[in-house]
């Protein structure tokens, strides 16, 4: 969830396979489990990891989003709409946003968790 709305990102079959493998080691409902039983990691976990790696004052968690966006756009092999969707950026034009999703998900279906060769999976 981001901004009180569901965040959906199609996943490649290799990622789905990896998540299924990792799932065998966890009884929780989250990929990244926090210290409290069956709770996600805290909002501060990622920034504290940056601090422990020596990046205090030099890197923010949001900076990783910018890095991912720059890399994906410069790679020139990802559609800009897919990049924006993966980063949970909202299309301000409501009509275009609905049309974009209609065209993105059918093409991305082969890579999604519910695409061909995958079972419907929620973590």
Protein backbone atom coordinates (compact mmCIF):
# COMPACT_ATOMS: atom_id res chain seq x y z
CA UNK A 1 0.00 0.00 0.00
CA UNK A 2 1.14 3.47 -0.79
CA UNK A 3 -0.90 6.58 -0.13
CA UNK A 4 -3.78 4.31 1.05
CA UNK A 5 -4.08 2.51 -2.28
CA UNK A 6 -2.91 -0.88 -3.47
CA UNK A 7 0.46 -0.95 -5.26
CA UNK A 8 0.63 -3.60 -7.97
CA UNK A 9 3.80 -4.45 -9.89
CA UNK A 10 3.97 -7.29 -12.43
CA UNK A 11 6.75 -9.73 -11.60
CA UNK A 12 8.96 -11.78 -13.90
CA UNK A 13 8.61 -15.57 -13.58
CA UNK A 14 12.11 -15.79 -12.09
CA UNK A 15 11.10 -13.38 -9.31
CA UNK A 16 7.93 -15.34 -8.62
CA UNK A 17 10.01 -18.54 -8.38
CA UNK A 18 12.43 -16.87 -5.96
CA UNK A 19 9.60 -15.57 -3.78
CA UNK A 20 8.03 -19.04 -3.66
CA UNK A 21 11.39 -20.47 -2.59
CA UNK A 22 11.84 -17.84 0.14
CA UNK A 23 8.23 -18.39 1.28
CA UNK A 24 9.17 -21.89 2.43
CA UNK A 25 11.33 -20.31 5.16
CA UNK A 26 8.67 -18.01 6.56
CA UNK A 27 5.33 -18.43 8.24
CA UNK A 28 4.61 -14.69 8.12
CA UNK A 29 2.49 -12.83 5.57
CA UNK A 30 5.35 -10.51 4.56
CA UNK A 31 8.49 -10.89 2.50
CA UNK A 32 10.37 -8.65 4.92
CA UNK A 33 9.16 -9.48 8.40
CA UNK A 34 9.73 -7.06 11.25
CA UNK A 35 10.76 -7.78 14.80
CA UNK A 36 7.15 -8.11 15.93
CA UNK A 37 5.37 -11.36 15.12
CA UNK A 38 3.73 -11.29 11.68
CA UNK A 39 4.32 -7.55 11.18
CA UNK A 40 6.17 -5.88 8.29
CA UNK A 41 9.50 -4.13 8.79
CA UNK A 42 9.17 -0.70 10.35
CA UNK A 43 9.16 2.53 8.36
CA UNK A 44 12.69 3.23 9.62
CA UNK A 45 14.32 -0.11 8.81
CA UNK A 46 15.67 0.95 5.42
CA UNK A 47 17.11 4.29 6.56
CA UNK A 48 18.79 2.62 9.54
CA UNK A 49 20.33 0.12 7.13
CA UNK A 50 21.73 3.05 5.14
CA UNK A 51 23.19 4.47 8.35
CA UNK A 52 24.81 1.15 9.28
CA UNK A 53 26.39 0.99 5.81
CA UNK A 54 28.00 4.39 6.38
CA UNK A 55 25.62 6.51 4.30
CA UNK A 56 24.23 8.71 7.11
CA UNK A 57 23.72 12.17 5.65
CA UNK A 58 24.73 11.01 2.15
CA UNK A 59 21.83 8.78 1.07
CA UNK A 60 18.11 8.62 1.70
CA UNK A 61 15.73 5.77 1.06
CA UNK A 62 13.83 7.99 -1.37
CA UNK A 63 17.15 8.52 -3.16
CA UNK A 64 17.07 4.83 -4.14
CA UNK A 65 13.80 5.52 -5.97
CA UNK A 66 15.50 8.27 -7.95
CA UNK A 67 18.43 5.97 -8.66
CA UNK A 68 16.07 3.22 -9.85
CA UNK A 69 14.16 5.66 -12.06
CA UNK A 70 17.35 7.05 -13.62
CA UNK A 71 18.79 3.58 -14.24
CA UNK A 72 15.57 2.21 -15.76
CA UNK A 73 15.05 5.23 -18.00
CA UNK A 74 18.68 5.27 -19.17
CA UNK A 75 18.58 1.53 -19.88
CA UNK A 76 16.06 2.34 -22.64
CA UNK A 77 14.49 -1.10 -22.45
CA UNK A 78 11.59 -0.28 -20.15
CA UNK A 79 8.52 1.70 -21.07
CA UNK A 80 8.33 4.96 -19.10
CA UNK A 81 4.76 4.17 -17.98
CA UNK A 82 5.96 0.87 -16.51
CA UNK A 83 8.75 2.64 -14.62
CA UNK A 84 6.37 5.20 -13.17
CA UNK A 85 3.91 2.48 -12.17
CA UNK A 86 6.65 0.44 -10.47
CA UNK A 87 7.62 3.53 -8.48
CA UNK A 88 3.95 4.02 -7.50
CA UNK A 89 3.77 7.37 -9.23
CA UNK A 90 0.22 8.43 -9.97
CA UNK A 91 -0.96 9.58 -13.39
CA UNK A 92 -2.63 12.93 -12.69
CA UNK A 93 -4.88 12.57 -15.75
CA UNK A 94 -7.46 10.08 -14.42
CA UNK A 95 -8.59 8.97 -17.89
CA UNK A 96 -5.03 8.43 -19.14
CA UNK A 97 -4.23 6.55 -15.93
CA UNK A 98 -7.06 4.08 -16.54
CA UNK A 99 -6.15 3.65 -20.21
CA UNK A 100 -2.48 3.17 -19.34
CA UNK A 101 -3.28 0.39 -16.86
CA UNK A 102 -5.52 -1.30 -19.41
CA UNK A 103 -2.64 -1.48 -21.87
CA UNK A 104 0.14 -2.21 -19.39
CA UNK A 105 -1.32 -5.18 -17.58
CA UNK A 106 -2.34 -7.30 -20.57
CA UNK A 107 1.21 -7.03 -21.94
CA UNK A 108 2.80 -7.47 -18.54
CA UNK A 109 0.53 -10.42 -17.73
CA UNK A 110 3.14 -12.92 -18.80
CA UNK A 111 5.40 -11.52 -16.10
CA UNK A 112 2.87 -11.03 -13.36
CA UNK A 113 2.29 -13.38 -10.47
CA UNK A 114 -0.99 -14.47 -12.02
CA UNK A 115 0.35 -14.71 -15.57
CA UNK A 116 0.80 -17.87 -17.65
CA UNK A 117 2.59 -20.59 -15.77
CA UNK A 118 2.01 -18.95 -12.40
CA UNK A 119 -0.57 -19.57 -9.77
CA UNK A 120 -2.46 -16.73 -8.19
CA UNK A 121 -0.20 -15.79 -5.32
CA UNK A 122 -0.29 -13.25 -2.58
CA UNK A 123 2.56 -13.30 -0.17
